[in-house]
Structure formats: C-alpha cells, structure tokens
Amino acid sequence: LAQALPAQAATLVIHSMSDQKDLQIQEAKNLQQAIEDITARKDQLEAETTALHAEQQQLFDRVRSLQANHAQINQQMTEKSHRLEQIKREMYQKESEYMAFLEAQPS
C-alpha cells in the first residue's frame, strides 16, 4: 500500500501535467484564432478606409470643379450686368436724343 501511493501520486502528476499541456494548447489555439479574427477585421477596416479616402478625394475634386464653375459663372454675370447697364445708358441716351429731335421738329 505504501508503494501504491507514490504510483498514484505520479499518475496524478502526469495527468495534471497532461491536463495543463492540453489547456495551454487550447489557449494557444484560442489566441491564434483571436489573432486571425483581429487581422481579418484590420484588413477589412483598411480596405474600407482606402475606399473612403478615394471617395473623399473624388468629392474634393468635384467641389473644386464646382467652385471653379461657380467663379466662372459669377464672372460672366458681372460682365453681363455691366453690359446691361451700358446698354441701358445707351438706350436712355438714344431716347433722349430722339425726344430732343422730335421737340426740335416744326409741327
């Protein structure tokens, strides 16, 4: 019986070591899976970020194009407004000359 106890104790130590090794293996597998999941998520986020940066650049380009178009339209409006004022002044001048001409005519 005295010899049986050390043998049982040795078996328990071996089982305990085996159980601990299995636990460490399972923890390592779990860590590996967690790393793979995190890596997949990181890759997905990087792809989404790249796509968003490209879309942002396209939108910035579109804004610059629209701003240039807006500036051009404003320039044209200013030029046409000045031309309209010039035409109005010329028309008023011609009307004044015509009225003066009619008043100068003998009836």
PDB file of N, CA and C in Angstrom:
ATOM      1  N   LEU A   1       0.833  -1.195   0.000  1.00  0.00           N
ATOM      2  CA  LEU A   1       0.000   0.000   0.000  1.00  0.00           C
ATOM      3  C   LEU A   1       0.870   1.248   0.000  1.00  0.00           C
ATOM      4  N   ALA A   2       1.986   1.216   0.677  1.00  0.00           N
ATOM      5  CA  ALA A   2       2.860   2.372   0.719  1.00  0.00           C
ATOM      6  C   ALA A   2       3.453   2.644  -0.637  1.00  0.00           C
ATOM      7  N   GLN A   3       3.692   1.592  -1.399  1.00  0.00           N
ATOM      8  CA  GLN A   3       4.238   1.780  -2.733  1.00  0.00           C
ATOM      9  C   GLN A   3       3.147   2.214  -3.715  1.00  0.00           C
ATOM     10  N   ALA A   4       1.915   1.908  -3.461  1.00  0.00           N
ATOM     11  CA  ALA A   4       0.807   2.265  -4.342  1.00  0.00           C
ATOM     12  C   ALA A   4       0.559   3.767  -4.301  1.00  0.00           C
ATOM     13  N   LEU A   5       0.745   4.361  -3.196  1.00  0.00           N
ATOM     14  CA  LEU A   5       0.501   5.799  -3.085  1.00  0.00           C
ATOM     15  C   LEU A   5       1.457   6.613  -3.947  1.00  0.00           C
ATOM     16  N   PRO A   6       2.762   6.342  -3.948  1.00  0.00           N
ATOM     17  CA  PRO A   6       3.624   7.109  -4.836  1.00  0.00           C
ATOM     18  C   PRO A   6       3.273   6.876  -6.293  1.00  0.00           C
ATOM     19  N   ALA A   7       2.871   5.689  -6.661  1.00  0.00           N
ATOM     20  CA  ALA A   7       2.495   5.428  -8.055  1.00  0.00           C
ATOM     21  C   ALA A   7       1.249   6.216  -8.421  1.00  0.00           C
ATOM     22  N   GLN A   8       0.279   6.250  -7.523  1.00  0.00           N
ATOM     23  CA  GLN A   8      -0.938   7.035  -7.782  1.00  0.00           C
ATOM     24  C   GLN A   8      -0.599   8.528  -7.837  1.00  0.00           C
ATOM     25  N   ALA A   9       0.282   8.968  -6.968  1.00  0.00           N
ATOM     26  CA  ALA A   9       0.691  10.369  -6.968  1.00  0.00           C
ATOM     27  C   ALA A   9       1.389  10.705  -8.267  1.00  0.00           C
ATOM     28  N   ALA A  10       2.238   9.805  -8.745  1.00  0.00           N
ATOM     29  CA  ALA A  10       2.933  10.024 -10.014  1.00  0.00           C
ATOM     30  C   ALA A  10       1.928  10.082 -11.161  1.00  0.00           C
ATOM     31  N   THR A  11       0.925   9.217 -11.129  1.00  0.00           N
ATOM     32  CA  THR A  11      -0.108   9.222 -12.176  1.00  0.00           C
ATOM     33  C   THR A  11      -0.885  10.540 -12.141  1.00  0.00           C
ATOM     34  N   LEU A  12      -1.198  11.017 -10.929  1.00  0.00           N
ATOM     35  CA  LEU A  12      -1.903  12.298 -10.797  1.00  0.00           C
ATOM     36  C   LEU A  12      -1.060  13.440 -11.343  1.00  0.00           C
ATOM     37  N   VAL A  13       0.238  13.430 -11.049  1.00  0.00           N
ATOM     38  CA  VAL A  13       1.129  14.466 -11.556  1.00  0.00           C
ATOM     39  C   VAL A  13       1.169  14.416 -13.073  1.00  0.00           C
ATOM     40  N   ILE A  14       1.257  13.210 -13.643  1.00  0.00           N
ATOM     41  CA  ILE A  14       1.273  13.057 -15.107  1.00  0.00           C
ATOM     42  C   ILE A  14      -0.041  13.543 -15.694  1.00  0.00           C
ATOM     43  N   HIS A  15      -1.177  13.163 -15.088  1.00  0.00           N
ATOM     44  CA  HIS A  15      -2.483  13.634 -15.582  1.00  0.00           C
ATOM     45  C   HIS A  15      -2.589  15.144 -15.456  1.00  0.00           C
ATOM     46  N   SER A  16      -2.090  15.660 -14.337  1.00  0.00           N
ATOM     47  CA  SER A  16      -2.140  17.093 -14.123  1.00  0.00           C
ATOM     48  C   SER A  16      -1.287  17.821 -15.168  1.00  0.00           C
ATOM     49  N   MET A  17      -0.105  17.299 -15.456  1.00  0.00           N
ATOM     50  CA  MET A  17       0.755  17.900 -16.467  1.00  0.00           C
ATOM     51  C   MET A  17       0.113  17.786 -17.847  1.00  0.00           C
ATOM     52  N   SER A  18      -0.494  16.639 -18.095  1.00  0.00           N
ATOM     53  CA  SER A  18      -1.162  16.422 -19.383  1.00  0.00           C
ATOM     54  C   SER A  18      -2.338  17.390 -19.533  1.00  0.00           C
ATOM     55  N   ASP A  19      -3.121  17.512 -18.456  1.00  0.00           N
ATOM     56  CA  ASP A  19      -4.256  18.451 -18.487  1.00  0.00           C
ATOM     57  C   ASP A  19      -3.769  19.884 -18.689  1.00  0.00           C
ATOM     58  N   GLN A  20      -2.687  20.255 -18.035  1.00  0.00           N
ATOM     59  CA  GLN A  20      -2.147  21.609 -18.162  1.00  0.00           C
ATOM     60  C   GLN A  20      -1.636  21.839 -19.585  1.00  0.00           C
ATOM     61  N   LYS A  21      -0.992  20.816 -20.142  1.00  0.00           N
ATOM     62  CA  LYS A  21      -0.500  20.929 -21.516  1.00  0.00           C
ATOM     63  C   LYS A  21      -1.675  21.084 -22.488  1.00  0.00           C
ATOM     64  N   ASP A  22      -2.729  20.286 -22.299  1.00  0.00           N
ATOM     65  CA  ASP A  22      -3.928  20.404 -23.142  1.00  0.00           C
ATOM     66  C   ASP A  22      -4.545  21.797 -23.003  1.00  0.00           C
ATOM     67  N   LEU A  23      -4.559  22.312 -21.767  1.00  0.00           N
ATOM     68  CA  LEU A  23      -5.109  23.643 -21.526  1.00  0.00           C
ATOM     69  C   LEU A  23      -4.273  24.708 -22.231  1.00  0.00           C
ATOM     70  N   GLN A  24      -2.945  24.581 -22.153  1.00  0.00           N
ATOM     71  CA  GLN A  24      -2.068  25.533 -22.833  1.00  0.00           C
ATOM     72  C   GLN A  24      -2.239  25.455 -24.345  1.00  0.00           C
ATOM     73  N   ILE A  25      -2.388  24.233 -24.865  1.00  0.00           N
ATOM     74  CA  ILE A  25      -2.605  24.066 -26.306  1.00  0.00           C
ATOM     75  C   ILE A  25      -3.922  24.738 -26.710  1.00  0.00           C
ATOM     76  N   GLN A  26      -4.967  24.530 -25.918  1.00  0.00           N
ATOM     77  CA  GLN A  26      -6.263  25.146 -26.233  1.00  0.00           C
ATOM     78  C   GLN A  26      -6.175  26.673 -26.147  1.00  0.00           C
ATOM     79  N   GLU A  27      -5.485  27.194 -25.140  1.00  0.00           N
ATOM     80  CA  GLU A  27      -5.309  28.639 -25.023  1.00  0.00           C
ATOM     81  C   GLU A  27      -4.531  29.189 -26.210  1.00  0.00           C
ATOM     82  N   ALA A  28      -3.515  28.467 -26.646  1.00  0.00           N
ATOM     83  CA  ALA A  28      -2.745  28.900 -27.810  1.00  0.00           C
ATOM     84  C   ALA A  28      -3.622  28.925 -29.060  1.00  0.00           C
ATOM     85  N   LYS A  29      -4.464  27.896 -29.209  1.00  0.00           N
ATOM     86  CA  LYS A  29      -5.388  27.860 -30.362  1.00  0.00           C
ATOM     87  C   LYS A  29      -6.369  29.027 -30.294  1.00  0.00           C
ATOM     88  N   ASN A  30      -6.856  29.297 -29.092  1.00  0.00           N
ATOM     89  CA  ASN A  30      -7.784  30.418 -28.922  1.00  0.00           C
ATOM     90  C   ASN A  30      -7.103  31.742 -29.260  1.00  0.00           C
ATOM     91  N   LEU A  31      -5.860  31.906 -28.803  1.00  0.00           N
ATOM     92  CA  LEU A  31      -5.112  33.125 -29.118  1.00  0.00           C
ATOM     93  C   LEU A  31      -4.872  33.246 -30.615  1.00  0.00           C
ATOM     94  N   GLN A  32      -4.528  32.126 -31.247  1.00  0.00           N
ATOM     95  CA  GLN A  32      -4.303  32.142 -32.691  1.00  0.00           C
ATOM     96  C   GLN A  32      -5.582  32.550 -33.431  1.00  0.00           C
ATOM     97  N   GLN A  33      -6.717  32.009 -32.992  1.00  0.00           N
ATOM     98  CA  GLN A  33      -7.996  32.369 -33.623  1.00  0.00           C
ATOM     99  C   GLN A  33      -8.302  33.845 -33.396  1.00  0.00           C
ATOM    100  N   ALA A  34      -8.025  34.338 -32.196  1.00  0.00           N
ATOM    101  CA  ALA A  34      -8.257  35.757 -31.909  1.00  0.00           C
ATOM    102  C   ALA A  34      -7.380  36.629 -32.795  1.00  0.00           C
ATOM    103  N   ILE A  35      -6.118  36.232 -32.983  1.00  0.00           N
ATOM    104  CA  ILE A  35      -5.214  36.986 -33.856  1.00  0.00           C
ATOM    105  C   ILE A  35      -5.735  36.985 -35.289  1.00  0.00           C
ATOM    106  N   GLU A  36      -6.200  35.833 -35.753  1.00  0.00           N
ATOM    107  CA  GLU A  36      -6.736  35.751 -37.122  1.00  0.00           C
ATOM    108  C   GLU A  36      -7.984  36.611 -37.281  1.00  0.00           C
ATOM    109  N   ASP A  37      -8.856  36.610 -36.276  1.00  0.00           N
ATOM    110  CA  ASP A  37     -10.072  37.434 -36.325  1.00  0.00           C
ATOM    111  C   ASP A  37      -9.713  38.925 -36.347  1.00  0.00           C
ATOM    112  N   ILE A  38      -8.766  39.307 -35.491  1.00  0.00           N
ATOM    113  CA  ILE A  38      -8.350  40.714 -35.434  1.00  0.00           C
ATOM    114  C   ILE A  38      -7.692  41.131 -36.748  1.00  0.00           C
ATOM    115  N   THR A  39      -6.871  40.247 -37.301  1.00  0.00           N
ATOM    116  CA  THR A  39      -6.200  40.545 -38.569  1.00  0.00           C
ATOM    117  C   THR A  39      -7.227  40.709 -39.693  1.00  0.00           C
ATOM    118  N   ALA A  40      -8.229  39.833 -39.724  1.00  0.00           N
ATOM    119  CA  ALA A  40      -9.279  39.940 -40.750  1.00  0.00           C
ATOM    120  C   ALA A  40     -10.041  41.253 -40.596  1.00  0.00           C
ATOM    121  N   ARG A  41     -10.358  41.630 -39.373  1.00  0.00           N
ATOM    122  CA  ARG A  41     -11.076  42.886 -39.122  1.00  0.00           C
ATOM    123  C   ARG A  41     -10.214  44.079 -39.521  1.00  0.00           C
ATOM    124  N   LYS A  42      -8.913  44.008 -39.189  1.00  0.00           N
ATOM    125  CA  LYS A  42      -7.987  45.086 -39.559  1.00  0.00           C
ATOM    126  C   LYS A  42      -7.933  45.235 -41.077  1.00  0.00           C
ATOM    127  N   ASP A  43      -7.833  44.110 -41.789  1.00  0.00           N
ATOM    128  CA  ASP A  43      -7.784  44.156 -43.253  1.00  0.00           C
ATOM    129  C   ASP A  43      -9.060  44.753 -43.823  1.00  0.00           C
ATOM    130  N   GLN A  44     -10.200  44.373 -43.241  1.00  0.00           N
ATOM    131  CA  GLN A  44     -11.489  44.912 -43.693  1.00  0.00           C
ATOM    132  C   GLN A  44     -11.545  46.421 -43.464  1.00  0.00           C
ATOM    133  N   LEU A  45     -11.107  46.862 -42.281  1.00  0.00           N
ATOM    134  CA  LEU A  45     -11.128  48.293 -41.964  1.00  0.00           C
ATOM    135  C   LEU A  45     -10.161  49.072 -42.852  1.00  0.00           C
ATOM    136  N   GLU A  46      -9.015  48.482 -43.147  1.00  0.00           N
ATOM    137  CA  GLU A  46      -8.068  49.148 -44.049  1.00  0.00           C
ATOM    138  C   GLU A  46      -8.670  49.308 -45.439  1.00  0.00           C
ATOM    139  N   ALA A  47      -9.351  48.280 -45.924  1.00  0.00           N
ATOM    140  CA  ALA A  47      -9.995  48.361 -47.247  1.00  0.00           C
ATOM    141  C   ALA A  47     -11.086  49.423 -47.247  1.00  0.00           C
ATOM    142  N   GLU A  48     -11.891  49.454 -46.196  1.00  0.00           N
ATOM    143  CA  GLU A  48     -12.947  50.461 -46.098  1.00  0.00           C
ATOM    144  C   GLU A  48     -12.354  51.865 -46.018  1.00  0.00           C
ATOM    145  N   THR A  49     -11.282  52.008 -45.257  1.00  0.00           N
ATOM    146  CA  THR A  49     -10.626  53.309 -45.122  1.00  0.00           C
ATOM    147  C   THR A  49     -10.061  53.773 -46.458  1.00  0.00           C
ATOM    148  N   THR A  50      -9.442  52.861 -47.185  1.00  0.00           N
ATOM    149  CA  THR A  50      -8.898  53.197 -48.506  1.00  0.00           C
ATOM    150  C   THR A  50     -10.020  53.639 -49.450  1.00  0.00           C
ATOM    151  N   ALA A  51     -11.127  52.913 -49.420  1.00  0.00           N
ATOM    152  CA  ALA A  51     -12.268  53.277 -50.273  1.00  0.00           C
ATOM    153  C   ALA A  51     -12.829  54.643 -49.878  1.00  0.00           C
ATOM    154  N   LEU A  52     -12.915  54.912 -48.587  1.00  0.00           N
ATOM    155  CA  LEU A  52     -13.431  56.204 -48.131  1.00  0.00           C
ATOM    156  C   LEU A  52     -12.486  57.342 -48.506  1.00  0.00           C
ATOM    157  N   HIS A  53     -11.183  57.099 -48.414  1.00  0.00           N
ATOM    158  CA  HIS A  53     -10.218  58.129 -48.829  1.00  0.00           C
ATOM    159  C   HIS A  53     -10.364  58.421 -50.331  1.00  0.00           C
ATOM    160  N   ALA A  54     -10.549  57.381 -51.131  1.00  0.00           N
ATOM    161  CA  ALA A  54     -10.720  57.582 -52.573  1.00  0.00           C
ATOM    162  C   ALA A  54     -11.997  58.374 -52.851  1.00  0.00           C
ATOM    163  N   GLU A  55     -13.077  58.021 -52.149  1.00  0.00           N
ATOM    164  CA  GLU A  55     -14.337  58.748 -52.329  1.00  0.00           C
ATOM    165  C   GLU A  55     -14.183  60.200 -51.887  1.00  0.00           C
ATOM    166  N   GLN A  56     -13.489  60.418 -50.780  1.00  0.00           N
ATOM    167  CA  GLN A  56     -13.256  61.781 -50.297  1.00  0.00           C
ATOM    168  C   GLN A  56     -12.477  62.591 -51.331  1.00  0.00           C
ATOM    169  N   GLN A  57     -11.458  61.987 -51.929  1.00  0.00           N
ATOM    170  CA  GLN A  57     -10.667  62.686 -52.937  1.00  0.00           C
ATOM    171  C   GLN A  57     -11.529  63.050 -54.141  1.00  0.00           C
ATOM    172  N   GLN A  58     -12.397  62.114 -54.561  1.00  0.00           N
ATOM    173  CA  GLN A  58     -13.301  62.401 -55.682  1.00  0.00           C
ATOM    174  C   GLN A  58     -14.230  63.565 -55.334  1.00  0.00           C
ATOM    175  N   LEU A  59     -14.730  63.573 -54.106  1.00  0.00           N
ATOM    176  CA  LEU A  59     -15.629  64.650 -53.687  1.00  0.00           C
ATOM    177  C   LEU A  59     -14.890  65.985 -53.612  1.00  0.00           C
ATOM    178  N   PHE A  60     -13.647  65.958 -53.110  1.00  0.00           N
ATOM    179  CA  PHE A  60     -12.856  67.189 -53.083  1.00  0.00           C
ATOM    180  C   PHE A  60     -12.626  67.703 -54.504  1.00  0.00           C
ATOM    181  N   ASP A  61     -12.319  66.788 -55.425  1.00  0.00           N
ATOM    182  CA  ASP A  61     -12.120  67.186 -56.818  1.00  0.00           C
ATOM    183  C   ASP A  61     -13.397  67.782 -57.393  1.00  0.00           C
ATOM    184  N   ARG A  62     -14.532  67.169 -57.074  1.00  0.00           N
ATOM    185  CA  ARG A  62     -15.824  67.667 -57.567  1.00  0.00           C
ATOM    186  C   ARG A  62     -16.110  69.057 -56.996  1.00  0.00           C
ATOM    187  N   VAL A  63     -15.820  69.250 -55.712  1.00  0.00           N
ATOM    188  CA  VAL A  63     -16.029  70.565 -55.077  1.00  0.00           C
ATOM    189  C   VAL A  63     -15.165  71.613 -55.770  1.00  0.00           C
ATOM    190  N   ARG A  64     -13.885  71.284 -56.014  1.00  0.00           N
ATOM    191  CA  ARG A  64     -13.011  72.247 -56.694  1.00  0.00           C
ATOM    192  C   ARG A  64     -13.547  72.581 -58.089  1.00  0.00           C
ATOM    193  N   SER A  65     -14.034  71.571 -58.793  1.00  0.00           N
ATOM    194  CA  SER A  65     -14.585  71.792 -60.123  1.00  0.00           C
ATOM    195  C   SER A  65     -15.817  72.704 -60.052  1.00  0.00           C
ATOM    196  N   LEU A  66     -16.690  72.425 -59.086  1.00  0.00           N
ATOM    197  CA  LEU A  66     -17.896  73.244 -58.931  1.00  0.00           C
ATOM    198  C   LEU A  66     -17.543  74.672 -58.508  1.00  0.00           C
ATOM    199  N   GLN A  67     -16.533  74.811 -57.657  1.00  0.00           N
ATOM    200  CA  GLN A  67     -16.117  76.158 -57.247  1.00  0.00           C
ATOM    201  C   GLN A  67     -15.570  76.944 -58.439  1.00  0.00           C
ATOM    202  N   ALA A  68     -14.796  76.270 -59.278  1.00  0.00           N
ATOM    203  CA  ALA A  68     -14.265  76.933 -60.474  1.00  0.00           C
ATOM    204  C   ALA A  68     -15.413  77.325 -61.401  1.00  0.00           C
ATOM    205  N   ASN A  69     -16.377  76.431 -61.567  1.00  0.00           N
ATOM    206  CA  ASN A  69     -17.542  76.715 -62.405  1.00  0.00           C
ATOM    207  C   ASN A  69     -18.334  77.876 -61.825  1.00  0.00           C
ATOM    208  N   HIS A  70     -18.495  77.883 -60.503  1.00  0.00           N
ATOM    209  CA  HIS A  70     -19.217  78.962 -59.832  1.00  0.00           C
ATOM    210  C   HIS A  70     -18.507  80.299 -60.046  1.00  0.00           C
ATOM    211  N   ALA A  71     -17.198  80.301 -59.918  1.00  0.00           N
ATOM    212  CA  ALA A  71     -16.419  81.532 -60.123  1.00  0.00           C
ATOM    213  C   ALA A  71     -16.572  82.027 -61.555  1.00  0.00           C
ATOM    214  N   GLN A  72     -16.560  81.097 -62.506  1.00  0.00           N
ATOM    215  CA  GLN A  72     -16.718  81.465 -63.911  1.00  0.00           C
ATOM    216  C   GLN A  72     -18.109  82.062 -64.159  1.00  0.00           C
ATOM    217  N   ILE A  73     -19.116  81.451 -63.585  1.00  0.00           N
ATOM    218  CA  ILE A  73     -20.491  81.961 -63.745  1.00  0.00           C
ATOM    219  C   ILE A  73     -20.611  83.343 -63.105  1.00  0.00           C
ATOM    220  N   ASN A  74     -20.014  83.522 -61.932  1.00  0.00           N
ATOM    221  CA  ASN A  74     -20.049  84.845 -61.285  1.00  0.00           C
ATOM    222  C   ASN A  74     -19.368  85.895 -62.155  1.00  0.00           C
ATOM    223  N   GLN A  75     -18.250  85.533 -62.762  1.00  0.00           N
ATOM    224  CA  GLN A  75     -17.540  86.455 -63.658  1.00  0.00           C
ATOM    225  C   GLN A  75     -18.429  86.823 -64.846  1.00  0.00           C
ATOM    226  N   GLN A  76     -19.071  85.828 -65.425  1.00  0.00           N
ATOM    227  CA  GLN A  76     -19.950  86.086 -66.568  1.00  0.00           C
ATOM    228  C   GLN A  76     -21.133  86.963 -66.160  1.00  0.00           C
ATOM    229  N   MET A  77     -21.684  86.696 -64.976  1.00  0.00           N
ATOM    230  CA  MET A  77     -22.807  87.518 -64.515  1.00  0.00           C
ATOM    231  C   MET A  77     -22.373  88.964 -64.325  1.00  0.00           C
ATOM    232  N   THR A  78     -21.198  89.156 -63.754  1.00  0.00           N
ATOM    233  CA  THR A  78     -20.690  90.515 -63.552  1.00  0.00           C
ATOM    234  C   THR A  78     -20.512  91.215 -64.893  1.00  0.00           C
ATOM    235  N   GLU A  79     -19.882  90.531 -65.843  1.00  0.00           N
ATOM    236  CA  GLU A  79     -19.683  91.106 -67.174  1.00  0.00           C
ATOM    237  C   GLU A  79     -21.020  91.433 -67.838  1.00  0.00           C
ATOM    238  N   LYS A  80     -21.987  90.529 -67.753  1.00  0.00           N
ATOM    239  CA  LYS A  80     -23.286  90.753 -68.402  1.00  0.00           C
ATOM    240  C   LYS A  80     -24.072  91.859 -67.701  1.00  0.00           C
ATOM    241  N   SER A  81     -23.928  91.958 -66.395  1.00  0.00           N
ATOM    242  CA  SER A  81     -24.598  93.045 -65.668  1.00  0.00           C
ATOM    243  C   SER A  81     -24.023  94.393 -66.092  1.00  0.00           C
ATOM    244  N   HIS A  82     -22.692  94.453 -66.225  1.00  0.00           N
ATOM    245  CA  HIS A  82     -22.080  95.702 -66.695  1.00  0.00           C
ATOM    246  C   HIS A  82     -22.537  96.026 -68.112  1.00  0.00           C
ATOM    247  N   ARG A  83     -22.585  95.024 -68.952  1.00  0.00           N
ATOM    248  CA  ARG A  83     -23.028  95.231 -70.342  1.00  0.00           C
ATOM    249  C   ARG A  83     -24.484  95.692 -70.374  1.00  0.00           C
ATOM    250  N   LEU A  84     -25.328  95.100 -69.523  1.00  0.00           N
ATOM    251  CA  LEU A  84     -26.724  95.508 -69.453  1.00  0.00           C
ATOM    252  C   LEU A  84     -26.837  96.964 -69.020  1.00  0.00           C
ATOM    253  N   GLU A  85     -26.072  97.363 -68.024  1.00  0.00           N
ATOM    254  CA  GLU A  85     -26.088  98.755 -67.577  1.00  0.00           C
ATOM    255  C   GLU A  85     -25.615  99.683 -68.698  1.00  0.00           C
ATOM    256  N   GLN A  86     -24.607  99.263 -69.436  1.00  0.00           N
ATOM    257  CA  GLN A  86     -24.111 100.067 -70.559  1.00  0.00           C
ATOM    258  C   GLN A  86     -25.200 100.200 -71.625  1.00  0.00           C
ATOM    259  N   ILE A  87     -25.882  99.111 -71.931  1.00  0.00           N
ATOM    260  CA  ILE A  87     -26.961  99.150 -72.934  1.00  0.00           C
ATOM    261  C   ILE A  87     -28.095 100.059 -72.453  1.00  0.00           C
ATOM    262  N   LYS A  88     -28.426  99.973 -71.167  1.00  0.00           N
ATOM    263  CA  LYS A  88     -29.480 100.834 -70.626  1.00  0.00           C
ATOM    264  C   LYS A  88     -29.096 102.307 -70.755  1.00  0.00           C
ATOM    265  N   ARG A  89     -27.827 102.633 -70.430  1.00  0.00           N
ATOM    266  CA  ARG A  89     -27.372 104.024 -70.559  1.00  0.00           C
ATOM    267  C   ARG A  89     -27.431 104.472 -72.015  1.00  0.00           C
ATOM    268  N   GLU A  90     -26.992 103.611 -72.945  1.00  0.00           N
ATOM    269  CA  GLU A  90     -27.039 103.950 -74.378  1.00  0.00           C
ATOM    270  C   GLU A  90     -28.475 104.130 -74.834  1.00  0.00           C
ATOM    271  N   MET A  91     -29.358 103.253 -74.372  1.00  0.00           N
ATOM    272  CA  MET A  91     -30.761 103.340 -74.759  1.00  0.00           C
ATOM    273  C   MET A  91     -31.372 104.646 -74.230  1.00  0.00           C
ATOM    274  N   TYR A  92     -31.077 104.983 -72.978  1.00  0.00           N
ATOM    275  CA  TYR A  92     -31.574 106.227 -72.408  1.00  0.00           C
ATOM    276  C   TYR A  92     -31.034 107.424 -73.196  1.00  0.00           C
ATOM    277  N   GLN A  93     -29.758 107.364 -73.544  1.00  0.00           N
ATOM    278  CA  GLN A  93     -29.138 108.438 -74.334  1.00  0.00           C
ATOM    279  C   GLN A  93     -29.834 108.571 -75.683  1.00  0.00           C
ATOM    280  N   LYS A  94     -30.068 107.433 -76.358  1.00  0.00           N
ATOM    281  CA  LYS A  94     -30.736 107.470 -77.678  1.00  0.00           C
ATOM    282  C   LYS A  94     -32.161 107.993 -77.552  1.00  0.00           C
ATOM    283  N   GLU A  95     -32.860 107.567 -76.483  1.00  0.00           N
ATOM    284  CA  GLU A  95     -34.222 108.063 -76.282  1.00  0.00           C
ATOM    285  C   GLU A  95     -34.203 109.572 -76.056  1.00  0.00           C
ATOM    286  N   SER A  96     -33.238 110.039 -75.291  1.00  0.00           N
ATOM    287  CA  SER A  96     -33.131 111.484 -75.036  1.00  0.00           C
ATOM    288  C   SER A  96     -32.853 112.235 -76.336  1.00  0.00           C
ATOM    289  N   GLU A  97     -31.944 111.699 -77.143  1.00  0.00           N
ATOM    290  CA  GLU A  97     -31.642 112.336 -78.432  1.00  0.00           C
ATOM    291  C   GLU A  97     -32.877 112.336 -79.330  1.00  0.00           C
ATOM    292  N   TYR A  98     -33.604 111.231 -79.356  1.00  0.00           N
ATOM    293  CA  TYR A  98     -34.803 111.143 -80.192  1.00  0.00           C
ATOM    294  C   TYR A  98     -35.862 112.139 -79.720  1.00  0.00           C
ATOM    295  N   MET A  99     -36.055 112.224 -78.382  1.00  0.00           N
ATOM    296  CA  MET A  99     -37.037 113.174 -77.853  1.00  0.00           C
ATOM    297  C   MET A  99     -36.615 114.609 -78.194  1.00  0.00           C
ATOM    298  N   ALA A 100     -35.353 114.901 -78.084  1.00  0.00           N
ATOM    299  CA  ALA A 100     -34.847 116.235 -78.431  1.00  0.00           C
ATOM    300  C   ALA A 100     -35.081 116.498 -79.907  1.00  0.00           C
ATOM    301  N   PHE A 101     -34.847 115.477 -80.731  1.00  0.00           N
ATOM    302  CA  PHE A 101     -35.067 115.622 -82.168  1.00  0.00           C
ATOM    303  C   PHE A 101     -36.541 115.907 -82.464  1.00  0.00           C
ATOM    304  N   LEU A 102     -37.464 115.143 -81.800  1.00  0.00           N
ATOM    305  CA  LEU A 102     -38.883 115.365 -82.033  1.00  0.00           C
ATOM    306  C   LEU A 102     -39.314 116.756 -81.576  1.00  0.00           C
ATOM    307  N   GLU A 103     -38.799 117.211 -80.465  1.00  0.00           N
ATOM    308  CA  GLU A 103     -39.166 118.532 -79.961  1.00  0.00           C
ATOM    309  C   GLU A 103     -38.627 119.646 -80.867  1.00  0.00           C
ATOM    310  N   ALA A 104     -37.539 119.384 -81.527  1.00  0.00           N
ATOM    311  CA  ALA A 104     -36.935 120.382 -82.409  1.00  0.00           C
ATOM    312  C   ALA A 104     -37.643 120.443 -83.760  1.00  0.00           C
ATOM    313  N   GLN A 105     -38.403 119.439 -84.098  1.00  0.00           N
ATOM    314  CA  GLN A 105     -39.106 119.410 -85.383  1.00  0.00           C
ATOM    315  C   GLN A 105     -40.270 120.400 -85.362  1.00  0.00           C
ATOM    316  N   PRO A 106     -40.427 121.158 -86.454  1.00  0.00           N
ATOM    317  CA  PRO A 106     -41.599 122.047 -86.514  1.00  0.00           C
ATOM    318  C   PRO A 106     -42.876 121.229 -86.707  1.00  0.00           C
ATOM    319  N   SER A 107     -43.881 121.616 -86.055  1.00  0.00           N
ATOM    320  CA  SER A 107     -45.149 120.896 -86.167  1.00  0.00           C
ATOM    321  C   SER A 107     -45.927 121.298 -87.373  1.00  0.00           C
TER     322      SER A 107
END
